[in-house]
């Protein structure tokens, strides 16, 4: 990857200027937008490497816009960091459930912002050895970013895809939340262990219509595993 393009979607001019200043210091290319509609036009012109998305936008909210991006095959793989003044746990869960890869609460330090951006970009650049993994009718093709259940394509977000890929490559092995954060999200990532639970719920919801949700097992007090013979 060359110099990453960062799309900043923020309606507050002062905050947008601050974000632009910090990003420019770290040599990111910056694309600006103050609402979801203009952000969509910027994305159509040139998809960014990452989106910094404010929760409270005029017109369409950041939450709704994130869900729209995740529903579109052309934009579902673009990493999103949600920026908001809402710091309660339920708000963080809502942000992650919308499809955001990470969540940062105002006020935040420039150092934290850059660390989160770099961590999310590293996740997107992470690769594993096996291009194609197939277990009991569930097939994942990493190079095509494609998952099929008995031949039927499934629509997974980028983080759920990486989680499923990792678990399918290590069937029957139990991983704790901290291990999954390290192996799937990346080292030195600034997200909570609860993020793993949210991602697992989204993954199971997609797998459920085809009966594969049961393959992602919760091992109480330990973590999760992918089992081809669920109990």
C-alpha atoms as a PDB file:
ATOM      1  CA  UNK A   1       0.000   0.000   0.000  1.00  0.00           C
ATOM      2  CA  UNK A   2       1.249   3.501  -0.841  1.00  0.00           C
ATOM      3  CA  UNK A   3       0.193   6.559   1.124  1.00  0.00           C
ATOM      4  CA  UNK A   4      -3.288   5.703   2.486  1.00  0.00           C
ATOM      5  CA  UNK A   5      -6.290   7.854   1.576  1.00  0.00           C
ATOM      6  CA  UNK A   6      -8.382   8.734   4.646  1.00  0.00           C
ATOM      7  CA  UNK A   7     -11.937   9.994   4.132  1.00  0.00           C
ATOM      8  CA  UNK A   8     -12.939  12.279   7.027  1.00  0.00           C
ATOM      9  CA  UNK A   9     -16.739  12.531   7.359  1.00  0.00           C
ATOM     10  CA  UNK A  10     -17.363  15.180  10.017  1.00  0.00           C
ATOM     11  CA  UNK A  11     -19.765  18.145   9.964  1.00  0.00           C
ATOM     12  CA  UNK A  12     -17.993  20.158  12.689  1.00  0.00           C
ATOM     13  CA  UNK A  13     -15.466  22.341  10.860  1.00  0.00           C
ATOM     14  CA  UNK A  14     -13.183  22.771  13.888  1.00  0.00           C
ATOM     15  CA  UNK A  15     -12.976  19.017  14.498  1.00  0.00           C
ATOM     16  CA  UNK A  16     -12.484  18.350  10.783  1.00  0.00           C
ATOM     17  CA  UNK A  17      -9.621  20.849  10.690  1.00  0.00           C
ATOM     18  CA  UNK A  18      -8.034  19.206  13.737  1.00  0.00           C
ATOM     19  CA  UNK A  19      -8.322  15.744  12.155  1.00  0.00           C
ATOM     20  CA  UNK A  20      -6.864  17.002   8.896  1.00  0.00           C
ATOM     21  CA  UNK A  21      -3.927  18.615  10.719  1.00  0.00           C
ATOM     22  CA  UNK A  22      -3.113  15.421  12.647  1.00  0.00           C
ATOM     23  CA  UNK A  23      -3.474  13.197   9.576  1.00  0.00           C
ATOM     24  CA  UNK A  24      -1.326  15.503   7.446  1.00  0.00           C
ATOM     25  CA  UNK A  25       1.441  15.363  10.067  1.00  0.00           C
ATOM     26  CA  UNK A  26       1.514  11.600   9.615  1.00  0.00           C
ATOM     27  CA  UNK A  27       1.516  11.884   5.811  1.00  0.00           C
ATOM     28  CA  UNK A  28      -1.944  10.508   5.103  1.00  0.00           C
ATOM     29  CA  UNK A  29      -3.838  11.726   2.036  1.00  0.00           C
ATOM     30  CA  UNK A  30      -6.988  13.455   3.292  1.00  0.00           C
ATOM     31  CA  UNK A  31     -10.418  13.574   1.667  1.00  0.00           C
ATOM     32  CA  UNK A  32     -13.051  15.768   3.347  1.00  0.00           C
ATOM     33  CA  UNK A  33     -16.813  15.525   3.617  1.00  0.00           C
ATOM     34  CA  UNK A  34     -19.371  17.047   5.976  1.00  0.00           C
ATOM     35  CA  UNK A  35     -22.272  14.639   5.409  1.00  0.00           C
ATOM     36  CA  UNK A  36     -23.092  11.149   4.182  1.00  0.00           C
ATOM     37  CA  UNK A  37     -24.344  12.269   0.772  1.00  0.00           C
ATOM     38  CA  UNK A  38     -21.145  14.071  -0.193  1.00  0.00           C
ATOM     39  CA  UNK A  39     -19.085  11.260   1.364  1.00  0.00           C
ATOM     40  CA  UNK A  40     -20.810   8.777  -0.936  1.00  0.00           C
ATOM     41  CA  UNK A  41     -19.815  10.902  -3.942  1.00  0.00           C
ATOM     42  CA  UNK A  42     -16.193  11.014  -2.759  1.00  0.00           C
ATOM     43  CA  UNK A  43     -16.194   7.221  -2.378  1.00  0.00           C
ATOM     44  CA  UNK A  44     -17.590   6.750  -5.880  1.00  0.00           C
ATOM     45  CA  UNK A  45     -14.851   8.975  -7.279  1.00  0.00           C
ATOM     46  CA  UNK A  46     -12.076   7.180  -5.410  1.00  0.00           C
ATOM     47  CA  UNK A  47     -12.609   4.577  -2.660  1.00  0.00           C
ATOM     48  CA  UNK A  48     -10.483   5.510   0.376  1.00  0.00           C
ATOM     49  CA  UNK A  49      -8.318   3.128   2.370  1.00  0.00           C
ATOM     50  CA  UNK A  50     -10.171   4.060   5.570  1.00  0.00           C
ATOM     51  CA  UNK A  51     -13.112   6.198   6.682  1.00  0.00           C
ATOM     52  CA  UNK A  52     -13.233   8.304   9.849  1.00  0.00           C
ATOM     53  CA  UNK A  53     -16.990   8.611  10.331  1.00  0.00           C
ATOM     54  CA  UNK A  54     -18.765  10.892  12.783  1.00  0.00           C
ATOM     55  CA  UNK A  55     -21.847   9.377  14.437  1.00  0.00           C
ATOM     56  CA  UNK A  56     -23.937  12.597  14.457  1.00  0.00           C
ATOM     57  CA  UNK A  57     -24.178  13.888  10.908  1.00  0.00           C
ATOM     58  CA  UNK A  58     -26.811  16.146   9.330  1.00  0.00           C
ATOM     59  CA  UNK A  59     -29.315  14.148   7.302  1.00  0.00           C
ATOM     60  CA  UNK A  60     -28.255  10.502   7.326  1.00  0.00           C
ATOM     61  CA  UNK A  61     -26.535   9.488  10.581  1.00  0.00           C
ATOM     62  CA  UNK A  62     -23.102   7.922  10.678  1.00  0.00           C
ATOM     63  CA  UNK A  63     -24.637   4.690  11.973  1.00  0.00           C
ATOM     64  CA  UNK A  64     -27.036   4.458   9.020  1.00  0.00           C
ATOM     65  CA  UNK A  65     -24.295   5.385   6.576  1.00  0.00           C
ATOM     66  CA  UNK A  66     -21.989   2.682   7.954  1.00  0.00           C
ATOM     67  CA  UNK A  67     -24.747   0.114   7.517  1.00  0.00           C
ATOM     68  CA  UNK A  68     -25.283   1.321   3.935  1.00  0.00           C
ATOM     69  CA  UNK A  69     -21.577   0.957   3.156  1.00  0.00           C
ATOM     70  CA  UNK A  70     -21.475  -2.544   4.613  1.00  0.00           C
ATOM     71  CA  UNK A  71     -24.512  -3.590   2.560  1.00  0.00           C
ATOM     72  CA  UNK A  72     -22.867  -2.524  -0.716  1.00  0.00           C
ATOM     73  CA  UNK A  73     -20.382  -5.081  -2.165  1.00  0.00           C
ATOM     74  CA  UNK A  74     -18.356  -2.194  -3.614  1.00  0.00           C
ATOM     75  CA  UNK A  75     -17.756  -0.551  -0.218  1.00  0.00           C
ATOM     76  CA  UNK A  76     -18.207  -3.282   2.386  1.00  0.00           C
ATOM     77  CA  UNK A  77     -14.450  -3.894   2.718  1.00  0.00           C
ATOM     78  CA  UNK A  78     -13.498  -0.267   3.432  1.00  0.00           C
ATOM     79  CA  UNK A  79     -12.430  -0.025   7.101  1.00  0.00           C
ATOM     80  CA  UNK A  80     -14.507   2.363   9.221  1.00  0.00           C
ATOM     81  CA  UNK A  81     -13.593   4.029  12.518  1.00  0.00           C
ATOM     82  CA  UNK A  82     -16.623   5.610  14.185  1.00  0.00           C
ATOM     83  CA  UNK A  83     -16.012   8.933  15.957  1.00  0.00           C
ATOM     84  CA  UNK A  84     -18.536  10.053  18.560  1.00  0.00           C
ATOM     85  CA  UNK A  85     -19.115  11.782  21.871  1.00  0.00           C
ATOM     86  CA  UNK A  86     -21.268   8.820  22.948  1.00  0.00           C
ATOM     87  CA  UNK A  87     -19.157   6.757  25.326  1.00  0.00           C
ATOM     88  CA  UNK A  88     -21.606   4.369  26.967  1.00  0.00           C
ATOM     89  CA  UNK A  89     -21.179   0.634  26.362  1.00  0.00           C
ATOM     90  CA  UNK A  90     -24.532   0.384  24.549  1.00  0.00           C
ATOM     91  CA  UNK A  91     -23.385   3.127  22.162  1.00  0.00           C
ATOM     92  CA  UNK A  92     -20.126   1.306  21.449  1.00  0.00           C
ATOM     93  CA  UNK A  93     -22.043  -1.885  20.725  1.00  0.00           C
ATOM     94  CA  UNK A  94     -24.386   0.022  18.382  1.00  0.00           C
ATOM     95  CA  UNK A  95     -21.412   1.473  16.537  1.00  0.00           C
ATOM     96  CA  UNK A  96     -19.749  -1.923  16.131  1.00  0.00           C
ATOM     97  CA  UNK A  97     -23.029  -3.564  15.141  1.00  0.00           C
ATOM     98  CA  UNK A  98     -23.426  -1.002  12.369  1.00  0.00           C
ATOM     99  CA  UNK A  99     -20.281  -2.422  10.785  1.00  0.00           C
ATOM    100  CA  UNK A 100     -17.603  -0.127  12.189  1.00  0.00           C
ATOM    101  CA  UNK A 101     -14.204  -1.756  12.656  1.00  0.00           C
ATOM    102  CA  UNK A 102     -13.302   0.443  15.604  1.00  0.00           C
ATOM    103  CA  UNK A 103     -14.771   3.174  17.796  1.00  0.00           C
ATOM    104  CA  UNK A 104     -13.140   6.260  19.289  1.00  0.00           C
ATOM    105  CA  UNK A 105     -14.799   8.581  21.813  1.00  0.00           C
ATOM    106  CA  UNK A 106     -14.386  12.362  21.872  1.00  0.00           C
ATOM    107  CA  UNK A 107     -12.246  13.865  23.248  1.00  0.00           C
ATOM    108  CA  UNK A 108      -9.314  11.767  22.107  1.00  0.00           C
ATOM    109  CA  UNK A 109      -5.616  12.409  21.741  1.00  0.00           C
ATOM    110  CA  UNK A 110      -3.902  12.616  18.342  1.00  0.00           C
ATOM    111  CA  UNK A 111      -1.635   9.749  19.430  1.00  0.00           C
ATOM    112  CA  UNK A 112      -4.614   7.481  20.140  1.00  0.00           C
ATOM    113  CA  UNK A 113      -6.267   8.405  16.838  1.00  0.00           C
ATOM    114  CA  UNK A 114      -3.171   7.590  14.786  1.00  0.00           C
ATOM    115  CA  UNK A 115      -2.597   4.339  16.712  1.00  0.00           C
ATOM    116  CA  UNK A 116      -6.156   3.212  15.983  1.00  0.00           C
ATOM    117  CA  UNK A 117      -5.887   4.133  12.302  1.00  0.00           C
ATOM    118  CA  UNK A 118      -2.624   2.232  11.908  1.00  0.00           C
ATOM    119  CA  UNK A 119      -4.030  -0.792  13.780  1.00  0.00           C
ATOM    120  CA  UNK A 120      -7.115  -0.968  11.534  1.00  0.00           C
ATOM    121  CA  UNK A 121      -5.020  -0.547   8.388  1.00  0.00           C
ATOM    122  CA  UNK A 122      -2.721  -3.358   9.549  1.00  0.00           C
ATOM    123  CA  UNK A 123      -5.720  -5.644   9.935  1.00  0.00           C
ATOM    124  CA  UNK A 124      -6.715  -4.977   6.345  1.00  0.00           C
ATOM    125  CA  UNK A 125      -3.192  -5.769   5.166  1.00  0.00           C
ATOM    126  CA  UNK A 126      -2.983  -9.013   7.169  1.00  0.00           C
ATOM    127  CA  UNK A 127      -2.912 -12.205   5.123  1.00  0.00           C
ATOM    128  CA  UNK A 128      -3.087 -15.876   6.026  1.00  0.00           C
ATOM    129  CA  UNK A 129      -1.614 -18.906   4.287  1.00  0.00           C
ATOM    130  CA  UNK A 130      -4.706 -20.767   3.122  1.00  0.00           C
ATOM    131  CA  UNK A 131      -6.500 -19.164   0.184  1.00  0.00           C
ATOM    132  CA  UNK A 132      -9.430 -21.596   0.271  1.00  0.00           C
ATOM    133  CA  UNK A 133     -10.821 -23.350   3.358  1.00  0.00           C
ATOM    134  CA  UNK A 134     -13.761 -25.783   3.135  1.00  0.00           C
ATOM    135  CA  UNK A 135     -15.467 -27.541   6.050  1.00  0.00           C
ATOM    136  CA  UNK A 136     -18.744 -29.502   5.913  1.00  0.00           C
ATOM    137  CA  UNK A 137     -20.228 -27.488   3.040  1.00  0.00           C
ATOM    138  CA  UNK A 138     -18.958 -24.080   4.169  1.00  0.00           C
ATOM    139  CA  UNK A 139     -16.310 -22.723   1.786  1.00  0.00           C
ATOM    140  CA  UNK A 140     -14.216 -19.580   2.227  1.00  0.00           C
ATOM    141  CA  UNK A 141     -12.065 -18.138  -0.561  1.00  0.00           C
ATOM    142  CA  UNK A 142      -9.790 -15.401   0.775  1.00  0.00           C
ATOM    143  CA  UNK A 143      -8.547 -14.052  -2.559  1.00  0.00           C
ATOM    144  CA  UNK A 144     -12.124 -13.632  -3.830  1.00  0.00           C
ATOM    145  CA  UNK A 145     -13.395 -12.472  -0.409  1.00  0.00           C
ATOM    146  CA  UNK A 146     -16.164 -15.016  -0.827  1.00  0.00           C
ATOM    147  CA  UNK A 147     -17.984 -17.361   1.546  1.00  0.00           C
ATOM    148  CA  UNK A 148     -20.478 -19.966   0.348  1.00  0.00           C
ATOM    149  CA  UNK A 149     -22.777 -22.230   2.347  1.00  0.00           C
ATOM    150  CA  UNK A 150     -23.610 -25.302   0.250  1.00  0.00           C
ATOM    151  CA  UNK A 151     -22.957 -23.163  -2.831  1.00  0.00           C
ATOM    152  CA  UNK A 152     -25.033 -20.176  -1.685  1.00  0.00           C
ATOM    153  CA  UNK A 153     -22.978 -16.944  -1.318  1.00  0.00           C
ATOM    154  CA  UNK A 154     -23.015 -15.230   2.076  1.00  0.00           C
ATOM    155  CA  UNK A 155     -22.540 -11.520   2.690  1.00  0.00           C
ATOM    156  CA  UNK A 156     -19.952 -11.004   5.443  1.00  0.00           C
ATOM    157  CA  UNK A 157     -18.351  -7.780   6.581  1.00  0.00           C
ATOM    158  CA  UNK A 158     -14.534  -7.586   6.511  1.00  0.00           C
ATOM    159  CA  UNK A 159     -13.995  -8.269  10.210  1.00  0.00           C
ATOM    160  CA  UNK A 160     -16.437 -11.208  10.344  1.00  0.00           C
ATOM    161  CA  UNK A 161     -14.733 -12.581   7.213  1.00  0.00           C
ATOM    162  CA  UNK A 162     -11.300 -12.427   8.865  1.00  0.00           C
ATOM    163  CA  UNK A 163     -12.646 -13.993  12.058  1.00  0.00           C
ATOM    164  CA  UNK A 164     -14.307 -16.846  10.181  1.00  0.00           C
ATOM    165  CA  UNK A 165     -11.178 -17.385   8.074  1.00  0.00           C
ATOM    166  CA  UNK A 166      -9.004 -17.620  11.168  1.00  0.00           C
ATOM    167  CA  UNK A 167     -11.347 -19.979  13.021  1.00  0.00           C
ATOM    168  CA  UNK A 168     -11.844 -22.235  10.000  1.00  0.00           C
ATOM    169  CA  UNK A 169      -8.072 -22.546   9.588  1.00  0.00           C
ATOM    170  CA  UNK A 170      -7.839 -23.802  13.170  1.00  0.00           C
ATOM    171  CA  UNK A 171     -10.904 -26.042  13.636  1.00  0.00           C
ATOM    172  CA  UNK A 172     -11.659 -27.498  17.085  1.00  0.00           C
ATOM    173  CA  UNK A 173      -9.107 -25.229  18.739  1.00  0.00           C
ATOM    174  CA  UNK A 174     -10.437 -22.877  21.425  1.00  0.00           C
ATOM    175  CA  UNK A 175      -9.299 -19.238  21.403  1.00  0.00           C
ATOM    176  CA  UNK A 176      -9.838 -16.676  24.134  1.00  0.00           C
ATOM    177  CA  UNK A 177     -11.085 -13.190  23.310  1.00  0.00           C
ATOM    178  CA  UNK A 178      -7.650 -11.687  23.897  1.00  0.00           C
ATOM    179  CA  UNK A 179      -6.108 -14.244  21.520  1.00  0.00           C
ATOM    180  CA  UNK A 180      -8.676 -13.478  18.824  1.00  0.00           C
ATOM    181  CA  UNK A 181      -8.094  -9.736  19.204  1.00  0.00           C
ATOM    182  CA  UNK A 182      -4.394 -10.353  18.723  1.00  0.00           C
ATOM    183  CA  UNK A 183      -4.680 -12.796  15.810  1.00  0.00           C
ATOM    184  CA  UNK A 184      -7.656 -11.276  13.924  1.00  0.00           C
ATOM    185  CA  UNK A 185      -7.708  -7.591  14.874  1.00  0.00           C
ATOM    186  CA  UNK A 186      -3.944  -7.205  15.277  1.00  0.00           C
ATOM    187  CA  UNK A 187      -1.445  -6.453  18.038  1.00  0.00           C
ATOM    188  CA  UNK A 188      -1.669  -3.192  19.992  1.00  0.00           C
ATOM    189  CA  UNK A 189      -5.249  -2.675  18.880  1.00  0.00           C
ATOM    190  CA  UNK A 190      -7.380  -0.314  20.968  1.00  0.00           C
ATOM    191  CA  UNK A 191     -10.637  -2.255  21.081  1.00  0.00           C
ATOM    192  CA  UNK A 192     -12.288  -4.032  23.996  1.00  0.00           C
ATOM    193  CA  UNK A 193     -12.716  -7.781  24.334  1.00  0.00           C
ATOM    194  CA  UNK A 194     -16.488  -7.243  24.007  1.00  0.00           C
ATOM    195  CA  UNK A 195     -15.785  -6.368  20.363  1.00  0.00           C
ATOM    196  CA  UNK A 196     -15.151 -10.071  19.756  1.00  0.00           C
ATOM    197  CA  UNK A 197     -18.597 -10.975  21.137  1.00  0.00           C
ATOM    198  CA  UNK A 198     -20.273  -8.423  18.869  1.00  0.00           C
ATOM    199  CA  UNK A 199     -18.412  -9.745  15.827  1.00  0.00           C
ATOM    200  CA  UNK A 200     -19.303 -13.354  16.681  1.00  0.00           C
ATOM    201  CA  UNK A 201     -23.001 -12.420  16.951  1.00  0.00           C
ATOM    202  CA  UNK A 202     -22.897 -10.780  13.519  1.00  0.00           C
ATOM    203  CA  UNK A 203     -21.117 -13.812  12.071  1.00  0.00           C
ATOM    204  CA  UNK A 204     -23.615 -16.258  13.544  1.00  0.00           C
ATOM    205  CA  UNK A 205     -26.545 -14.193  12.285  1.00  0.00           C
ATOM    206  CA  UNK A 206     -25.232 -14.530   8.719  1.00  0.00           C
ATOM    207  CA  UNK A 207     -24.496 -18.238   9.081  1.00  0.00           C
ATOM    208  CA  UNK A 208     -27.796 -19.098  10.806  1.00  0.00           C
ATOM    209  CA  UNK A 209     -30.081 -19.448   7.733  1.00  0.00           C
ATOM    210  CA  UNK A 210     -27.835 -22.262   6.492  1.00  0.00           C
ATOM    211  CA  UNK A 211     -27.346 -23.932   9.875  1.00  0.00           C
ATOM    212  CA  UNK A 212     -23.671 -23.043  10.237  1.00  0.00           C
ATOM    213  CA  UNK A 213     -24.149 -20.702  13.212  1.00  0.00           C
ATOM    214  CA  UNK A 214     -23.847 -23.732  15.515  1.00  0.00           C
ATOM    215  CA  UNK A 215     -20.345 -24.377  14.157  1.00  0.00           C
ATOM    216  CA  UNK A 216     -19.102 -21.252  15.960  1.00  0.00           C
ATOM    217  CA  UNK A 217     -19.224 -22.505  19.527  1.00  0.00           C
ATOM    218  CA  UNK A 218     -18.949 -20.568  22.773  1.00  0.00           C
ATOM    219  CA  UNK A 219     -16.778 -22.298  25.344  1.00  0.00           C
ATOM    220  CA  UNK A 220     -18.014 -20.777  28.589  1.00  0.00           C
ATOM    221  CA  UNK A 221     -15.310 -18.990  30.528  1.00  0.00           C
ATOM    222  CA  UNK A 222     -12.723 -19.588  27.807  1.00  0.00           C
ATOM    223  CA  UNK A 223     -13.673 -18.221  24.381  1.00  0.00           C
ATOM    224  CA  UNK A 224     -14.742 -19.525  20.976  1.00  0.00           C
ATOM    225  CA  UNK A 225     -13.961 -22.309  18.521  1.00  0.00           C
ATOM    226  CA  UNK A 226     -15.068 -23.490  15.091  1.00  0.00           C
ATOM    227  CA  UNK A 227     -16.252 -27.100  15.236  1.00  0.00           C
ATOM    228  CA  UNK A 228     -17.404 -29.222  12.315  1.00  0.00           C
ATOM    229  CA  UNK A 229     -19.178 -31.430  14.871  1.00  0.00           C
ATOM    230  CA  UNK A 230     -20.968 -28.946  17.128  1.00  0.00           C
ATOM    231  CA  UNK A 231     -22.326 -30.271  20.405  1.00  0.00           C
END
